[in-house]
Amino acid sequence: MNILHLDSSILGPQSVSRTLSADIVAKLKAAQPDAKVTYRDLAADPLPHLSGGHIAVTHFGAAPDPALAHDLAQGQAVLEEFLAADVVVIGVAFYNFTITSQLKAWIDRIAVPGKTFRYTENGPEGLCGGKRVILAIARGGFYGPNSPAAAAEHAETYLRALFGFSGVTDLEAIVAEGLNTGPAHREAALTAAGRYIAESLTA
């Protein structure tokens, strides 16, 4: 089994999403010790934002500009990592109601027509149906389906749409929220998420 482990939080060791994603990968590795883990820290080693030149080459087959060589190589590397993965574990930081720009830059490198999806006469078709995706999401407030702020949640909903468009049907989100609403809420959220990973997450 190939596991791709991504983190996107800029908070380093204080990050809850990093803690949760590490716990998830540890659970998977404990069940399958021979699994290969590829780790990418999108905050410590950020990808450049998508450019018109990059799109021209990867989407429309234009001749590459030598100045884009490093950018294109990075994009190809992350795409190959994603395509090779059986399980993708993503530490999802929630800033200003959505994902980090670093995670968005990664998404823009893997959402490539002909690689992860394609357009057909019957509409778009996802090409990544065999993958499992696990999201470890940390949110400072409450944005669950029944909360007053649910309409402002643009991280989990976006990622479900994005991976669904790519054909992924096996997606699970483990959410710790209310982290900034007080020590009691924070402790309860961390305990509940940790217990779920330890006792209920299928490895």
C-alpha atoms as a PDB file:
ATOM      1  CA  MET A   1       0.000   0.000   0.000  1.00  0.00           C
ATOM      2  CA  ASN A   2       1.237   3.468  -0.895  1.00  0.00           C
ATOM      3  CA  ILE A   3       0.239   6.257   1.492  1.00  0.00           C
ATOM      4  CA  LEU A   4       0.562   9.913   0.525  1.00  0.00           C
ATOM      5  CA  HIS A   5       0.631  12.118   3.627  1.00  0.00           C
ATOM      6  CA  LEU A   6       0.158  15.869   3.180  1.00  0.00           C
ATOM      7  CA  ASP A   7       0.130  18.682   5.736  1.00  0.00           C
ATOM      8  CA  SER A   8      -0.975  22.222   4.978  1.00  0.00           C
ATOM      9  CA  SER A   9      -1.029  24.086   8.295  1.00  0.00           C
ATOM     10  CA  ILE A  10       1.406  26.969   8.837  1.00  0.00           C
ATOM     11  CA  LEU A  11       1.296  26.488  12.635  1.00  0.00           C
ATOM     12  CA  GLY A  12       4.008  23.838  12.917  1.00  0.00           C
ATOM     13  CA  PRO A  13       3.934  21.788  16.130  1.00  0.00           C
ATOM     14  CA  GLN A  14       0.939  23.806  17.406  1.00  0.00           C
ATOM     15  CA  SER A  15      -1.182  22.527  14.510  1.00  0.00           C
ATOM     16  CA  VAL A  16      -4.093  20.249  15.363  1.00  0.00           C
ATOM     17  CA  SER A  17      -4.539  19.089  11.752  1.00  0.00           C
ATOM     18  CA  ARG A  18      -0.888  17.973  11.690  1.00  0.00           C
ATOM     19  CA  THR A  19      -1.361  15.998  14.898  1.00  0.00           C
ATOM     20  CA  LEU A  20      -4.481  14.305  13.554  1.00  0.00           C
ATOM     21  CA  SER A  21      -2.976  13.475  10.155  1.00  0.00           C
ATOM     22  CA  ALA A  22       0.090  11.965  11.856  1.00  0.00           C
ATOM     23  CA  ASP A  23      -2.152   9.843  14.103  1.00  0.00           C
ATOM     24  CA  ILE A  24      -4.090   8.613  11.061  1.00  0.00           C
ATOM     25  CA  VAL A  25      -0.929   7.604   9.212  1.00  0.00           C
ATOM     26  CA  ALA A  26       0.399   5.880  12.344  1.00  0.00           C
ATOM     27  CA  LYS A  27      -2.842   3.880  12.578  1.00  0.00           C
ATOM     28  CA  LEU A  28      -2.576   2.843   8.917  1.00  0.00           C
ATOM     29  CA  LYS A  29       1.090   1.904   9.291  1.00  0.00           C
ATOM     30  CA  ALA A  30       0.420  -0.138  12.417  1.00  0.00           C
ATOM     31  CA  ALA A  31      -2.075  -2.208  10.450  1.00  0.00           C
ATOM     32  CA  GLN A  32       0.177  -2.524   7.398  1.00  0.00           C
ATOM     33  CA  PRO A  33       3.835  -2.146   8.440  1.00  0.00           C
ATOM     34  CA  ASP A  34       5.037  -2.657   4.876  1.00  0.00           C
ATOM     35  CA  ALA A  35       3.105   0.344   3.602  1.00  0.00           C
ATOM     36  CA  LYS A  36       5.227   3.014   1.934  1.00  0.00           C
ATOM     37  CA  VAL A  37       4.626   6.569   3.139  1.00  0.00           C
ATOM     38  CA  THR A  38       5.444   9.608   1.016  1.00  0.00           C
ATOM     39  CA  TYR A  39       5.279  12.813   3.036  1.00  0.00           C
ATOM     40  CA  ARG A  40       4.957  16.344   1.707  1.00  0.00           C
ATOM     41  CA  ASP A  41       4.789  19.444   3.912  1.00  0.00           C
ATOM     42  CA  LEU A  42       3.033  21.993   1.742  1.00  0.00           C
ATOM     43  CA  ALA A  43       3.677  24.841   4.180  1.00  0.00           C
ATOM     44  CA  ALA A  44       7.393  24.210   4.686  1.00  0.00           C
ATOM     45  CA  ASP A  45       7.997  23.491   0.995  1.00  0.00           C
ATOM     46  CA  PRO A  46       5.228  25.341  -0.853  1.00  0.00           C
ATOM     47  CA  LEU A  47       4.462  24.889  -4.504  1.00  0.00           C
ATOM     48  CA  PRO A  48       4.210  28.014  -6.650  1.00  0.00           C
ATOM     49  CA  HIS A  49       0.769  29.212  -7.545  1.00  0.00           C
ATOM     50  CA  LEU A  50      -0.556  28.087 -10.888  1.00  0.00           C
ATOM     51  CA  SER A  51       0.469  30.203 -13.864  1.00  0.00           C
ATOM     52  CA  GLY A  52      -0.828  30.633 -17.379  1.00  0.00           C
ATOM     53  CA  GLY A  53       2.396  29.206 -18.736  1.00  0.00           C
ATOM     54  CA  HIS A  54       2.026  26.068 -16.633  1.00  0.00           C
ATOM     55  CA  ILE A  55      -1.569  25.567 -17.781  1.00  0.00           C
ATOM     56  CA  ALA A  56      -0.563  26.075 -21.404  1.00  0.00           C
ATOM     57  CA  VAL A  57       1.898  23.176 -21.180  1.00  0.00           C
ATOM     58  CA  THR A  58      -0.008  20.723 -18.963  1.00  0.00           C
ATOM     59  CA  HIS A  59      -3.515  21.317 -20.305  1.00  0.00           C
ATOM     60  CA  PHE A  60      -2.986  22.390 -23.901  1.00  0.00           C
ATOM     61  CA  GLY A  61       0.327  20.823 -24.932  1.00  0.00           C
ATOM     62  CA  ALA A  62       2.234  24.046 -25.556  1.00  0.00           C
ATOM     63  CA  ALA A  63       6.010  23.935 -25.885  1.00  0.00           C
ATOM     64  CA  PRO A  64       7.510  24.498 -22.413  1.00  0.00           C
ATOM     65  CA  ASP A  65       9.358  27.716 -21.671  1.00  0.00           C
ATOM     66  CA  PRO A  66      12.780  26.860 -20.179  1.00  0.00           C
ATOM     67  CA  ALA A  67      12.031  29.318 -17.374  1.00  0.00           C
ATOM     68  CA  LEU A  68       9.183  27.019 -16.292  1.00  0.00           C
ATOM     69  CA  ALA A  69      11.351  23.895 -16.056  1.00  0.00           C
ATOM     70  CA  HIS A  70      11.482  23.776 -12.237  1.00  0.00           C
ATOM     71  CA  ASP A  71       7.786  24.617 -11.888  1.00  0.00           C
ATOM     72  CA  LEU A  72       6.793  21.897 -14.357  1.00  0.00           C
ATOM     73  CA  ALA A  73       9.067  19.355 -12.650  1.00  0.00           C
ATOM     74  CA  GLN A  74       7.472  20.099  -9.276  1.00  0.00           C
ATOM     75  CA  GLY A  75       4.019  19.758 -10.759  1.00  0.00           C
ATOM     76  CA  GLN A  76       4.879  16.441 -12.382  1.00  0.00           C
ATOM     77  CA  ALA A  77       6.365  15.144  -9.126  1.00  0.00           C
ATOM     78  CA  VAL A  78       3.280  15.868  -7.031  1.00  0.00           C
ATOM     79  CA  LEU A  79       0.992  14.502  -9.736  1.00  0.00           C
ATOM     80  CA  GLU A  80       2.960  11.241  -9.847  1.00  0.00           C
ATOM     81  CA  GLU A  81       2.865  11.011  -6.037  1.00  0.00           C
ATOM     82  CA  PHE A  82      -0.897  11.379  -6.077  1.00  0.00           C
ATOM     83  CA  LEU A  83      -1.429   8.907  -8.912  1.00  0.00           C
ATOM     84  CA  ALA A  84       0.765   6.320  -7.176  1.00  0.00           C
ATOM     85  CA  ALA A  85      -1.057   6.605  -3.842  1.00  0.00           C
ATOM     86  CA  ASP A  86      -3.635   4.097  -2.678  1.00  0.00           C
ATOM     87  CA  VAL A  87      -4.492   6.225   0.361  1.00  0.00           C
ATOM     88  CA  VAL A  88      -4.163  10.001   0.634  1.00  0.00           C
ATOM     89  CA  VAL A  89      -4.144  11.546   4.123  1.00  0.00           C
ATOM     90  CA  ILE A  90      -4.408  15.333   4.221  1.00  0.00           C
ATOM     91  CA  GLY A  91      -4.007  17.579   7.241  1.00  0.00           C
ATOM     92  CA  VAL A  92      -6.468  20.342   6.378  1.00  0.00           C
ATOM     93  CA  ALA A  93      -6.014  23.675   8.117  1.00  0.00           C
ATOM     94  CA  PHE A  94      -9.104  25.905   8.007  1.00  0.00           C
ATOM     95  CA  TYR A  95      -8.257  29.582   7.505  1.00  0.00           C
ATOM     96  CA  ASN A  96     -10.759  32.299   6.611  1.00  0.00           C
ATOM     97  CA  PHE A  97     -13.481  29.720   5.915  1.00  0.00           C
ATOM     98  CA  THR A  98     -11.479  27.572   3.486  1.00  0.00           C
ATOM     99  CA  ILE A  99      -8.271  25.649   2.778  1.00  0.00           C
ATOM    100  CA  THR A 100      -4.811  27.208   2.755  1.00  0.00           C
ATOM    101  CA  SER A 101      -3.408  28.629  -0.468  1.00  0.00           C
ATOM    102  CA  GLN A 102      -0.604  26.070  -0.157  1.00  0.00           C
ATOM    103  CA  LEU A 103      -3.077  23.198  -0.356  1.00  0.00           C
ATOM    104  CA  LYS A 104      -4.880  24.901  -3.234  1.00  0.00           C
ATOM    105  CA  ALA A 105      -1.570  25.120  -5.139  1.00  0.00           C
ATOM    106  CA  TRP A 106      -1.157  21.353  -4.696  1.00  0.00           C
ATOM    107  CA  ILE A 107      -4.710  20.735  -5.921  1.00  0.00           C
ATOM    108  CA  ASP A 108      -4.026  22.825  -9.003  1.00  0.00           C
ATOM    109  CA  ARG A 109      -1.145  20.460  -9.830  1.00  0.00           C
ATOM    110  CA  ILE A 110      -3.180  17.258  -9.544  1.00  0.00           C
ATOM    111  CA  ALA A 111      -6.415  18.437 -11.195  1.00  0.00           C
ATOM    112  CA  VAL A 112      -5.135  17.700 -14.685  1.00  0.00           C
ATOM    113  CA  PRO A 113      -7.400  16.602 -17.554  1.00  0.00           C
ATOM    114  CA  GLY A 114      -6.444  13.208 -18.889  1.00  0.00           C
ATOM    115  CA  LYS A 115      -4.721  12.315 -15.615  1.00  0.00           C
ATOM    116  CA  THR A 116      -7.246  12.609 -12.782  1.00  0.00           C
ATOM    117  CA  PHE A 117     -10.369  13.362 -14.828  1.00  0.00           C
ATOM    118  CA  ARG A 118     -11.472  13.661 -18.406  1.00  0.00           C
ATOM    119  CA  TYR A 119     -14.304  15.208 -20.350  1.00  0.00           C
ATOM    120  CA  THR A 120     -16.478  12.910 -22.450  1.00  0.00           C
ATOM    121  CA  GLU A 121     -19.544  13.354 -24.614  1.00  0.00           C
ATOM    122  CA  ASN A 122     -21.538  12.339 -21.544  1.00  0.00           C
ATOM    123  CA  GLY A 123     -19.845  14.850 -19.264  1.00  0.00           C
ATOM    124  CA  PRO A 124     -16.814  14.757 -16.963  1.00  0.00           C
ATOM    125  CA  GLU A 125     -15.475  11.416 -15.745  1.00  0.00           C
ATOM    126  CA  GLY A 126     -13.224  10.965 -12.718  1.00  0.00           C
ATOM    127  CA  LEU A 127     -10.214   8.697 -13.129  1.00  0.00           C
ATOM    128  CA  CYS A 128      -9.253   8.164  -9.464  1.00  0.00           C
ATOM    129  CA  GLY A 129     -12.006   5.853  -8.296  1.00  0.00           C
ATOM    130  CA  GLY A 130      -9.656   3.372  -6.662  1.00  0.00           C
ATOM    131  CA  LYS A 131      -8.216   5.810  -4.120  1.00  0.00           C
ATOM    132  CA  ARG A 132      -9.106   6.352  -0.494  1.00  0.00           C
ATOM    133  CA  VAL A 133      -8.876   9.899   0.871  1.00  0.00           C
ATOM    134  CA  ILE A 134      -8.881  10.764   4.577  1.00  0.00           C
ATOM    135  CA  LEU A 135      -9.152  14.410   5.605  1.00  0.00           C
ATOM    136  CA  ALA A 136      -7.946  15.535   9.036  1.00  0.00           C
ATOM    137  CA  ILE A 137      -9.650  18.898   9.492  1.00  0.00           C
ATOM    138  CA  ALA A 138      -9.121  21.413  12.299  1.00  0.00           C
ATOM    139  CA  ARG A 139     -11.561  24.316  12.663  1.00  0.00           C
ATOM    140  CA  GLY A 140     -11.483  27.087  15.241  1.00  0.00           C
ATOM    141  CA  GLY A 141     -15.253  27.571  15.283  1.00  0.00           C
ATOM    142  CA  PHE A 142     -18.294  25.430  14.653  1.00  0.00           C
ATOM    143  CA  TYR A 143     -19.174  24.854  10.991  1.00  0.00           C
ATOM    144  CA  GLY A 144     -20.930  21.484  11.041  1.00  0.00           C
ATOM    145  CA  PRO A 145     -24.081  20.791   8.994  1.00  0.00           C
ATOM    146  CA  ASN A 146     -26.452  21.973  11.735  1.00  0.00           C
ATOM    147  CA  SER A 147     -24.478  25.002  12.913  1.00  0.00           C
ATOM    148  CA  PRO A 148     -25.430  28.628  12.135  1.00  0.00           C
ATOM    149  CA  ALA A 149     -22.101  29.041  10.285  1.00  0.00           C
ATOM    150  CA  ALA A 150     -22.483  25.928   8.111  1.00  0.00           C
ATOM    151  CA  ALA A 151     -22.836  28.015   4.944  1.00  0.00           C
ATOM    152  CA  ALA A 152     -19.375  29.490   5.565  1.00  0.00           C
ATOM    153  CA  GLU A 153     -17.652  26.097   5.519  1.00  0.00           C
ATOM    154  CA  HIS A 154     -15.643  26.006   2.277  1.00  0.00           C
ATOM    155  CA  ALA A 155     -12.928  23.471   3.075  1.00  0.00           C
ATOM    156  CA  GLU A 156     -14.498  20.051   3.603  1.00  0.00           C
ATOM    157  CA  THR A 157     -17.285  20.825   1.112  1.00  0.00           C
ATOM    158  CA  TYR A 158     -14.759  21.974  -1.497  1.00  0.00           C
ATOM    159  CA  LEU A 159     -12.492  18.961  -1.027  1.00  0.00           C
ATOM    160  CA  ARG A 160     -15.416  16.531  -1.223  1.00  0.00           C
ATOM    161  CA  ALA A 161     -16.470  18.160  -4.495  1.00  0.00           C
ATOM    162  CA  LEU A 162     -12.930  18.191  -5.874  1.00  0.00           C
ATOM    163  CA  PHE A 163     -12.127  14.568  -5.108  1.00  0.00           C
ATOM    164  CA  GLY A 164     -15.619  13.471  -6.118  1.00  0.00           C
ATOM    165  CA  PHE A 165     -15.049  15.144  -9.480  1.00  0.00           C
ATOM    166  CA  SER A 166     -11.851  13.066  -9.722  1.00  0.00           C
ATOM    167  CA  GLY A 167     -13.833   9.871  -9.141  1.00  0.00           C
ATOM    168  CA  VAL A 168     -13.006   9.294  -5.466  1.00  0.00           C
ATOM    169  CA  THR A 169     -15.931   7.693  -3.650  1.00  0.00           C
ATOM    170  CA  ASP A 170     -14.050   6.502  -0.539  1.00  0.00           C
ATOM    171  CA  LEU A 171     -13.554   9.779   1.335  1.00  0.00           C
ATOM    172  CA  GLU A 172     -13.739  10.291   5.078  1.00  0.00           C
ATOM    173  CA  ALA A 173     -13.389  13.512   7.063  1.00  0.00           C
ATOM    174  CA  ILE A 174     -12.262  13.507  10.678  1.00  0.00           C
ATOM    175  CA  VAL A 175     -13.017  16.937  12.116  1.00  0.00           C
ATOM    176  CA  ALA A 176     -11.926  18.641  15.309  1.00  0.00           C
ATOM    177  CA  GLU A 177     -13.795  21.937  15.634  1.00  0.00           C
ATOM    178  CA  GLY A 178     -14.558  24.615  18.186  1.00  0.00           C
ATOM    179  CA  LEU A 179     -10.838  24.689  18.954  1.00  0.00           C
ATOM    180  CA  ASN A 180     -10.757  28.436  19.578  1.00  0.00           C
ATOM    181  CA  THR A 181     -13.969  28.673  21.594  1.00  0.00           C
ATOM    182  CA  GLY A 182     -12.421  27.781  24.927  1.00  0.00           C
ATOM    183  CA  PRO A 183     -10.194  25.200  26.643  1.00  0.00           C
ATOM    184  CA  ALA A 184     -13.041  22.818  27.403  1.00  0.00           C
ATOM    185  CA  HIS A 185     -14.277  22.724  23.810  1.00  0.00           C
ATOM    186  CA  ARG A 186     -10.733  22.321  22.528  1.00  0.00           C
ATOM    187  CA  GLU A 187      -9.954  19.428  24.842  1.00  0.00           C
ATOM    188  CA  ALA A 188     -13.244  17.705  24.050  1.00  0.00           C
ATOM    189  CA  ALA A 189     -12.681  18.049  20.301  1.00  0.00           C
ATOM    190  CA  LEU A 190      -9.132  16.702  20.458  1.00  0.00           C
ATOM    191  CA  THR A 191     -10.194  13.802  22.658  1.00  0.00           C
ATOM    192  CA  ALA A 192     -13.116  12.866  20.396  1.00  0.00           C
ATOM    193  CA  ALA A 193     -11.023  13.009  17.211  1.00  0.00           C
ATOM    194  CA  GLY A 194      -8.194  11.028  18.782  1.00  0.00           C
ATOM    195  CA  ARG A 195     -10.583   8.381  20.086  1.00  0.00           C
ATOM    196  CA  TYR A 196     -12.221   8.034  16.687  1.00  0.00           C
ATOM    197  CA  ILE A 197      -8.859   7.523  14.993  1.00  0.00           C
ATOM    198  CA  ALA A 198      -7.733   4.989  17.592  1.00  0.00           C
ATOM    199  CA  GLU A 199     -10.971   3.028  17.888  1.00  0.00           C
ATOM    200  CA  SER A 200     -13.144   3.550  14.818  1.00  0.00           C
ATOM    201  CA  LEU A 201     -10.993   4.465  11.813  1.00  0.00           C
ATOM    202  CA  THR A 202     -10.700   1.505   9.476  1.00  0.00           C
ATOM    203  CA  ALA A 203      -7.037   0.802   8.803  1.00  0.00           C
END
